[in-house]
Amino acid sequence: MKFQREFEETIGYQFQDSRLLVQALTHSSYANERHLGKQADNERLEFLGDAVLEIATSEFLFHRYPEYPEGELTRTRASIVCESTLAFCTRELHLGKYLLLGKGEAQTGGRERKSILSDALEAVIGAIYLDGGFANAKEFIHRFVLNDIEHKKLFYDSKTILQEVVQGNYAEELSYHLLREEGPDHDKKFIVEARIGDTVYGQGCGRTKKSAEQEAAYDTLLQLKKQKKWDMTEE
């Protein structure tokens, strides 16, 4: 299938058993709609991929940060393998467009839903592990999850970090403002901007106000860094 070949080119891995890739991209709504049976969706692969991701990430952090105690390693790992960060990682892959979703799920924004994207990413990891072994799964994780790790950590902690930056460097207060809501109630998007005092910095879009604020905070931090008003190495 064309979408499979396209996705394989995107991730740089060709499956020996293409059925594993199809299963990894199959959401339960699609399997249910077509009466494919419970074993046809990606939930079992997600279970496996979650474990592979955790061990690969743990090994990476253990060697990358030899000065970190156990508690800091655990916190950092949690920030990387959480739903929001994994969904953030799927942007580079355009994973949403390759998912097999039921009509209802697709119509209500399933291709952008963080829970669906993060679960599918873990399922892809599980599929690669079964198809090509741990080394190939680890290579995928390093390329698409553990790349640019400082920005991944920054994204996860964006609201907290921005609050600390503003409190330590600005007399004005940080605030978030809802600009508008888009879409019907069952598929709503919120657009939020972050301000320091009266100055607008970042803007974010999300399916909840909280996720939109996180995006706005992340965008603000990147802008402050670009304007040399903040150095992320200070955190």
C-alpha atoms as a PDB file:
ATOM      1  CA  MET A   1       0.000   0.000   0.000  1.00  0.00           C
ATOM      2  CA  LYS A   2       1.186   3.489  -0.870  1.00  0.00           C
ATOM      3  CA  PHE A   3       0.744   4.944   2.608  1.00  0.00           C
ATOM      4  CA  GLN A   4       2.846   2.128   4.079  1.00  0.00           C
ATOM      5  CA  ARG A   5       5.744   2.704   1.680  1.00  0.00           C
ATOM      6  CA  GLU A   6       5.539   6.441   2.276  1.00  0.00           C
ATOM      7  CA  PHE A   7       5.650   5.963   6.038  1.00  0.00           C
ATOM      8  CA  GLU A   8       8.557   3.523   5.782  1.00  0.00           C
ATOM      9  CA  GLU A   9      10.488   6.118   3.790  1.00  0.00           C
ATOM     10  CA  THR A  10       9.722   8.726   6.452  1.00  0.00           C
ATOM     11  CA  ILE A  11      11.022   6.595   9.326  1.00  0.00           C
ATOM     12  CA  GLY A  12      13.893   5.049   7.377  1.00  0.00           C
ATOM     13  CA  TYR A  13      12.899   1.481   8.163  1.00  0.00           C
ATOM     14  CA  GLN A  14      11.406  -1.131   5.814  1.00  0.00           C
ATOM     15  CA  PHE A  15       9.298  -3.836   7.410  1.00  0.00           C
ATOM     16  CA  GLN A  16       9.878  -7.455   6.530  1.00  0.00           C
ATOM     17  CA  ASP A  17       6.352  -8.212   7.741  1.00  0.00           C
ATOM     18  CA  SER A  18       4.144  -5.365   6.504  1.00  0.00           C
ATOM     19  CA  ARG A  19       1.245  -6.665   8.581  1.00  0.00           C
ATOM     20  CA  LEU A  20       2.996  -5.419  11.706  1.00  0.00           C
ATOM     21  CA  LEU A  21       3.093  -1.891  10.366  1.00  0.00           C
ATOM     22  CA  VAL A  22      -0.575  -2.019   9.365  1.00  0.00           C
ATOM     23  CA  GLN A  23      -1.482  -3.216  12.850  1.00  0.00           C
ATOM     24  CA  ALA A  24       0.642  -0.495  14.478  1.00  0.00           C
ATOM     25  CA  LEU A  25      -1.282   2.158  12.557  1.00  0.00           C
ATOM     26  CA  THR A  26      -4.720   0.619  13.172  1.00  0.00           C
ATOM     27  CA  HIS A  27      -6.756   2.340  15.862  1.00  0.00           C
ATOM     28  CA  SER A  28      -9.412   0.366  17.720  1.00  0.00           C
ATOM     29  CA  SER A  29     -12.153   2.523  16.153  1.00  0.00           C
ATOM     30  CA  TYR A  30     -11.116   1.335  12.676  1.00  0.00           C
ATOM     31  CA  ALA A  31     -10.916  -2.319  13.745  1.00  0.00           C
ATOM     32  CA  ASN A  32     -14.313  -2.125  15.459  1.00  0.00           C
ATOM     33  CA  GLU A  33     -15.966  -0.390  12.521  1.00  0.00           C
ATOM     34  CA  ARG A  34     -14.805  -3.125  10.161  1.00  0.00           C
ATOM     35  CA  HIS A  35     -15.357  -5.991  12.616  1.00  0.00           C
ATOM     36  CA  LEU A  36     -11.698  -7.017  12.365  1.00  0.00           C
ATOM     37  CA  GLY A  37     -11.526  -8.379  15.890  1.00  0.00           C
ATOM     38  CA  LYS A  38      -9.758  -7.102  19.004  1.00  0.00           C
ATOM     39  CA  GLN A  39      -6.357  -8.470  17.998  1.00  0.00           C
ATOM     40  CA  ALA A  40      -6.313  -6.329  14.819  1.00  0.00           C
ATOM     41  CA  ASP A  41      -5.792  -2.953  16.508  1.00  0.00           C
ATOM     42  CA  ASN A  42      -2.533  -1.510  17.826  1.00  0.00           C
ATOM     43  CA  GLU A  43      -3.111  -1.823  21.580  1.00  0.00           C
ATOM     44  CA  ARG A  44      -0.974  -4.942  22.115  1.00  0.00           C
ATOM     45  CA  LEU A  45       1.868  -3.431  20.083  1.00  0.00           C
ATOM     46  CA  GLU A  46       1.536  -0.257  22.142  1.00  0.00           C
ATOM     47  CA  PHE A  47       1.982  -2.324  25.319  1.00  0.00           C
ATOM     48  CA  LEU A  48       5.175  -3.846  23.945  1.00  0.00           C
ATOM     49  CA  GLY A  49       6.495  -0.586  22.500  1.00  0.00           C
ATOM     50  CA  ASP A  50       6.015   1.178  25.824  1.00  0.00           C
ATOM     51  CA  ALA A  51       8.392  -1.288  27.486  1.00  0.00           C
ATOM     52  CA  VAL A  52      10.973  -1.047  24.689  1.00  0.00           C
ATOM     53  CA  LEU A  53      10.812   2.756  24.805  1.00  0.00           C
ATOM     54  CA  GLU A  54      11.331   2.787  28.561  1.00  0.00           C
ATOM     55  CA  ILE A  55      14.452   0.589  28.516  1.00  0.00           C
ATOM     56  CA  ALA A  56      15.982   2.439  25.528  1.00  0.00           C
ATOM     57  CA  THR A  57      15.311   5.812  27.152  1.00  0.00           C
ATOM     58  CA  SER A  58      16.645   4.639  30.508  1.00  0.00           C
ATOM     59  CA  GLU A  59      19.876   3.424  28.919  1.00  0.00           C
ATOM     60  CA  PHE A  60      20.262   6.673  26.981  1.00  0.00           C
ATOM     61  CA  LEU A  61      19.770   8.870  30.054  1.00  0.00           C
ATOM     62  CA  PHE A  62      22.032   6.689  32.202  1.00  0.00           C
ATOM     63  CA  HIS A  63      24.961   7.337  29.845  1.00  0.00           C
ATOM     64  CA  ARG A  64      24.003  10.888  28.810  1.00  0.00           C
ATOM     65  CA  TYR A  65      23.726  12.238  32.365  1.00  0.00           C
ATOM     66  CA  PRO A  66      26.259  10.421  34.583  1.00  0.00           C
ATOM     67  CA  GLU A  67      25.878  13.128  37.226  1.00  0.00           C
ATOM     68  CA  TYR A  68      22.110  12.648  37.650  1.00  0.00           C
ATOM     69  CA  PRO A  69      20.907  10.744  40.737  1.00  0.00           C
ATOM     70  CA  GLU A  70      18.186   8.115  40.375  1.00  0.00           C
ATOM     71  CA  GLY A  71      15.376  10.554  41.143  1.00  0.00           C
ATOM     72  CA  GLU A  72      16.426  13.020  38.452  1.00  0.00           C
ATOM     73  CA  LEU A  73      16.828  10.238  35.898  1.00  0.00           C
ATOM     74  CA  THR A  74      13.314   9.022  36.693  1.00  0.00           C
ATOM     75  CA  ARG A  75      11.846  12.523  36.388  1.00  0.00           C
ATOM     76  CA  THR A  76      13.604  13.155  33.083  1.00  0.00           C
ATOM     77  CA  ARG A  77      12.491   9.817  31.676  1.00  0.00           C
ATOM     78  CA  ALA A  78       8.905  10.558  32.689  1.00  0.00           C
ATOM     79  CA  SER A  79       9.056  13.893  30.866  1.00  0.00           C
ATOM     80  CA  ILE A  80      10.177  12.167  27.663  1.00  0.00           C
ATOM     81  CA  VAL A  81       7.821   9.181  27.582  1.00  0.00           C
ATOM     82  CA  CYS A  82       4.681  11.067  28.655  1.00  0.00           C
ATOM     83  CA  GLU A  83       1.722  11.468  26.314  1.00  0.00           C
ATOM     84  CA  SER A  84       2.308  15.147  25.470  1.00  0.00           C
ATOM     85  CA  THR A  85       5.981  14.754  24.575  1.00  0.00           C
ATOM     86  CA  LEU A  86       5.452  11.605  22.518  1.00  0.00           C
ATOM     87  CA  ALA A  87       2.647  13.315  20.596  1.00  0.00           C
ATOM     88  CA  PHE A  88       5.051  16.225  20.049  1.00  0.00           C
ATOM     89  CA  CYS A  89       7.587  13.764  18.608  1.00  0.00           C
ATOM     90  CA  THR A  90       5.086  12.520  16.013  1.00  0.00           C
ATOM     91  CA  ARG A  91       4.972  15.911  14.275  1.00  0.00           C
ATOM     92  CA  GLU A  92       8.198  15.166  12.428  1.00  0.00           C
ATOM     93  CA  LEU A  93       6.712  11.877  11.227  1.00  0.00           C
ATOM     94  CA  HIS A  94       3.316  13.336  10.267  1.00  0.00           C
ATOM     95  CA  LEU A  95       2.050  10.199  11.961  1.00  0.00           C
ATOM     96  CA  GLY A  96      -1.547  11.362  12.149  1.00  0.00           C
ATOM     97  CA  LYS A  97      -2.117  11.215   8.410  1.00  0.00           C
ATOM     98  CA  TYR A  98      -1.074   7.554   8.236  1.00  0.00           C
ATOM     99  CA  LEU A  99      -3.393   6.283  10.978  1.00  0.00           C
ATOM    100  CA  LEU A 100      -6.291   3.981  10.167  1.00  0.00           C
ATOM    101  CA  LEU A 101      -9.188   5.508  12.097  1.00  0.00           C
ATOM    102  CA  GLY A 102     -12.897   4.877  12.216  1.00  0.00           C
ATOM    103  CA  LYS A 103     -14.990   7.504  10.447  1.00  0.00           C
ATOM    104  CA  GLY A 104     -16.285   8.993  13.675  1.00  0.00           C
ATOM    105  CA  GLU A 105     -12.826   9.216  15.224  1.00  0.00           C
ATOM    106  CA  ALA A 106     -11.394  10.789  12.076  1.00  0.00           C
ATOM    107  CA  GLN A 107     -14.209  13.347  11.890  1.00  0.00           C
ATOM    108  CA  THR A 108     -13.725  14.430  15.500  1.00  0.00           C
ATOM    109  CA  GLY A 109     -10.017  15.215  15.207  1.00  0.00           C
ATOM    110  CA  GLY A 110      -8.518  11.849  16.036  1.00  0.00           C
ATOM    111  CA  ARG A 111      -5.505  12.455  13.804  1.00  0.00           C
ATOM    112  CA  GLU A 112      -4.432  15.274  16.122  1.00  0.00           C
ATOM    113  CA  ARG A 113      -5.457  13.720  19.443  1.00  0.00           C
ATOM    114  CA  LYS A 114      -2.419  13.354  21.688  1.00  0.00           C
ATOM    115  CA  SER A 115      -3.508  10.084  23.266  1.00  0.00           C
ATOM    116  CA  ILE A 116      -4.005   8.436  19.869  1.00  0.00           C
ATOM    117  CA  LEU A 117      -0.718   9.777  18.472  1.00  0.00           C
ATOM    118  CA  SER A 118       1.378   8.796  21.493  1.00  0.00           C
ATOM    119  CA  ASP A 119      -0.161   5.307  21.595  1.00  0.00           C
ATOM    120  CA  ALA A 120       0.460   4.849  17.860  1.00  0.00           C
ATOM    121  CA  LEU A 121       4.092   5.910  18.236  1.00  0.00           C
ATOM    122  CA  GLU A 122       4.610   3.282  20.926  1.00  0.00           C
ATOM    123  CA  ALA A 123       2.872   0.728  18.702  1.00  0.00           C
ATOM    124  CA  VAL A 124       5.252   1.539  15.849  1.00  0.00           C
ATOM    125  CA  ILE A 125       8.172   1.006  18.232  1.00  0.00           C
ATOM    126  CA  GLY A 126       6.697  -2.353  19.257  1.00  0.00           C
ATOM    127  CA  ALA A 127       6.218  -3.332  15.616  1.00  0.00           C
ATOM    128  CA  ILE A 128       9.808  -2.454  14.708  1.00  0.00           C
ATOM    129  CA  TYR A 129      11.037  -4.429  17.726  1.00  0.00           C
ATOM    130  CA  LEU A 130       9.147  -7.551  16.615  1.00  0.00           C
ATOM    131  CA  ASP A 131      10.120  -7.119  12.973  1.00  0.00           C
ATOM    132  CA  GLY A 132      13.764  -6.145  13.283  1.00  0.00           C
ATOM    133  CA  GLY A 133      14.873  -6.582  16.881  1.00  0.00           C
ATOM    134  CA  PHE A 134      15.931  -4.220  19.657  1.00  0.00           C
ATOM    135  CA  ALA A 135      18.756  -2.557  17.704  1.00  0.00           C
ATOM    136  CA  ASN A 136      16.383  -1.266  15.009  1.00  0.00           C
ATOM    137  CA  ALA A 137      13.795  -0.177  17.568  1.00  0.00           C
ATOM    138  CA  LYS A 138      16.504   1.611  19.532  1.00  0.00           C
ATOM    139  CA  GLU A 139      17.728   3.385  16.393  1.00  0.00           C
ATOM    140  CA  PHE A 140      14.187   4.608  15.696  1.00  0.00           C
ATOM    141  CA  ILE A 141      13.807   5.839  19.288  1.00  0.00           C
ATOM    142  CA  HIS A 142      17.125   7.688  19.189  1.00  0.00           C
ATOM    143  CA  ARG A 143      16.233   9.291  15.866  1.00  0.00           C
ATOM    144  CA  PHE A 144      12.681  10.400  16.596  1.00  0.00           C
ATOM    145  CA  VAL A 145      12.240  10.496  20.379  1.00  0.00           C
ATOM    146  CA  LEU A 146      15.637  11.137  21.944  1.00  0.00           C
ATOM    147  CA  ASN A 147      16.858  13.577  19.302  1.00  0.00           C
ATOM    148  CA  ASP A 148      17.104  17.217  20.433  1.00  0.00           C
ATOM    149  CA  ILE A 149      16.355  16.078  23.952  1.00  0.00           C
ATOM    150  CA  GLU A 150      16.848  19.481  25.556  1.00  0.00           C
ATOM    151  CA  HIS A 151      13.963  20.871  23.520  1.00  0.00           C
ATOM    152  CA  LYS A 152      11.823  17.835  24.399  1.00  0.00           C
ATOM    153  CA  LYS A 153      12.446  18.474  28.103  1.00  0.00           C
ATOM    154  CA  LEU A 154      11.762  22.156  27.507  1.00  0.00           C
ATOM    155  CA  PHE A 155       8.433  21.360  25.842  1.00  0.00           C
ATOM    156  CA  TYR A 156       7.349  19.114  28.717  1.00  0.00           C
ATOM    157  CA  ASP A 157       8.217  21.690  31.403  1.00  0.00           C
ATOM    158  CA  SER A 158       7.411  24.783  29.336  1.00  0.00           C
ATOM    159  CA  LYS A 159       4.805  26.379  31.602  1.00  0.00           C
ATOM    160  CA  THR A 160       6.857  25.835  34.754  1.00  0.00           C
ATOM    161  CA  ILE A 161      10.110  27.014  33.169  1.00  0.00           C
ATOM    162  CA  LEU A 162       8.491  30.099  31.649  1.00  0.00           C
ATOM    163  CA  GLN A 163       6.931  31.034  34.995  1.00  0.00           C
ATOM    164  CA  GLU A 164      10.363  30.796  36.647  1.00  0.00           C
ATOM    165  CA  VAL A 165      12.007  32.820  33.857  1.00  0.00           C
ATOM    166  CA  VAL A 166       9.428  35.587  34.128  1.00  0.00           C
ATOM    167  CA  GLN A 167       9.564  35.706  37.928  1.00  0.00           C
ATOM    168  CA  GLY A 168      13.353  35.906  37.879  1.00  0.00           C
ATOM    169  CA  ASN A 169      13.808  38.398  35.045  1.00  0.00           C
ATOM    170  CA  TYR A 170      10.690  40.511  34.605  1.00  0.00           C
ATOM    171  CA  ALA A 171       8.746  42.972  36.754  1.00  0.00           C
ATOM    172  CA  GLU A 172       5.577  42.178  34.790  1.00  0.00           C
ATOM    173  CA  GLU A 173       3.428  39.108  35.243  1.00  0.00           C
ATOM    174  CA  LEU A 174       2.959  36.172  32.891  1.00  0.00           C
ATOM    175  CA  SER A 175      -0.589  35.566  31.677  1.00  0.00           C
ATOM    176  CA  TYR A 176      -2.414  33.451  29.118  1.00  0.00           C
ATOM    177  CA  HIS A 177      -5.309  34.756  27.041  1.00  0.00           C
ATOM    178  CA  LEU A 178      -7.827  32.798  25.013  1.00  0.00           C
ATOM    179  CA  LEU A 179      -7.973  34.382  21.555  1.00  0.00           C
ATOM    180  CA  ARG A 180     -10.669  32.208  20.034  1.00  0.00           C
ATOM    181  CA  GLU A 181     -12.236  28.788  19.808  1.00  0.00           C
ATOM    182  CA  GLU A 182     -12.563  26.985  16.502  1.00  0.00           C
ATOM    183  CA  GLY A 183     -14.676  24.067  15.376  1.00  0.00           C
ATOM    184  CA  PRO A 184     -17.813  22.351  16.687  1.00  0.00           C
ATOM    185  CA  ASP A 185     -18.138  21.243  20.312  1.00  0.00           C
ATOM    186  CA  HIS A 186     -17.078  17.673  19.528  1.00  0.00           C
ATOM    187  CA  ASP A 187     -13.931  18.834  17.698  1.00  0.00           C
ATOM    188  CA  LYS A 188     -12.958  22.123  19.297  1.00  0.00           C
ATOM    189  CA  LYS A 189      -9.571  23.824  19.152  1.00  0.00           C
ATOM    190  CA  PHE A 190      -8.412  26.576  21.474  1.00  0.00           C
ATOM    191  CA  ILE A 191      -5.989  29.311  20.394  1.00  0.00           C
ATOM    192  CA  VAL A 192      -4.146  30.953  23.277  1.00  0.00           C
ATOM    193  CA  GLU A 193      -1.437  33.609  23.487  1.00  0.00           C
ATOM    194  CA  ALA A 194       1.118  34.141  26.248  1.00  0.00           C
ATOM    195  CA  ARG A 195       1.875  37.651  27.454  1.00  0.00           C
ATOM    196  CA  ILE A 196       4.514  39.115  29.728  1.00  0.00           C
ATOM    197  CA  GLY A 197       2.881  42.260  30.985  1.00  0.00           C
ATOM    198  CA  ASP A 198       1.139  43.718  27.926  1.00  0.00           C
ATOM    199  CA  THR A 199       3.636  42.260  25.431  1.00  0.00           C
ATOM    200  CA  VAL A 200       2.496  39.267  23.407  1.00  0.00           C
ATOM    201  CA  TYR A 201       5.124  36.566  22.895  1.00  0.00           C
ATOM    202  CA  GLY A 202       4.015  33.049  22.047  1.00  0.00           C
ATOM    203  CA  GLN A 203       0.855  31.513  20.653  1.00  0.00           C
ATOM    204  CA  GLY A 204      -0.428  27.986  20.969  1.00  0.00           C
ATOM    205  CA  CYS A 205      -3.219  25.798  19.652  1.00  0.00           C
ATOM    206  CA  GLY A 206      -4.634  22.734  21.362  1.00  0.00           C
ATOM    207  CA  ARG A 207      -7.687  20.582  21.880  1.00  0.00           C
ATOM    208  CA  THR A 208      -7.820  21.812  25.484  1.00  0.00           C
ATOM    209  CA  LYS A 209      -6.965  25.195  26.979  1.00  0.00           C
ATOM    210  CA  LYS A 210      -4.213  23.551  29.014  1.00  0.00           C
ATOM    211  CA  SER A 211      -2.480  22.055  25.974  1.00  0.00           C
ATOM    212  CA  ALA A 212      -2.840  25.356  24.100  1.00  0.00           C
ATOM    213  CA  GLU A 213      -1.195  27.176  27.020  1.00  0.00           C
ATOM    214  CA  GLN A 214       1.647  24.641  26.997  1.00  0.00           C
ATOM    215  CA  GLU A 215       2.214  25.293  23.298  1.00  0.00           C
ATOM    216  CA  ALA A 216       2.117  29.057  23.894  1.00  0.00           C
ATOM    217  CA  ALA A 217       4.628  28.771  26.743  1.00  0.00           C
ATOM    218  CA  TYR A 218       6.967  26.666  24.599  1.00  0.00           C
ATOM    219  CA  ASP A 219       6.684  29.151  21.726  1.00  0.00           C
ATOM    220  CA  THR A 220       7.443  32.000  24.138  1.00  0.00           C
ATOM    221  CA  LEU A 221      10.562  30.294  25.472  1.00  0.00           C
ATOM    222  CA  LEU A 222      11.839  29.713  21.938  1.00  0.00           C
ATOM    223  CA  GLN A 223      11.256  33.374  21.128  1.00  0.00           C
ATOM    224  CA  LEU A 224      13.009  34.551  24.294  1.00  0.00           C
ATOM    225  CA  LYS A 225      15.932  32.280  23.433  1.00  0.00           C
ATOM    226  CA  LYS A 226      16.035  33.623  19.862  1.00  0.00           C
ATOM    227  CA  GLN A 227      15.978  37.217  21.170  1.00  0.00           C
ATOM    228  CA  LYS A 228      18.773  36.264  23.609  1.00  0.00           C
ATOM    229  CA  LYS A 229      16.573  37.225  26.560  1.00  0.00           C
ATOM    230  CA  TRP A 230      16.929  33.753  28.035  1.00  0.00           C
ATOM    231  CA  ASP A 231      19.484  30.944  27.857  1.00  0.00           C
ATOM    232  CA  MET A 232      18.040  27.445  28.238  1.00  0.00           C
ATOM    233  CA  THR A 233      21.359  26.209  29.670  1.00  0.00           C
ATOM    234  CA  GLU A 234      20.585  28.248  32.774  1.00  0.00           C
ATOM    235  CA  GLU A 235      17.731  25.912  33.685  1.00  0.00           C
END
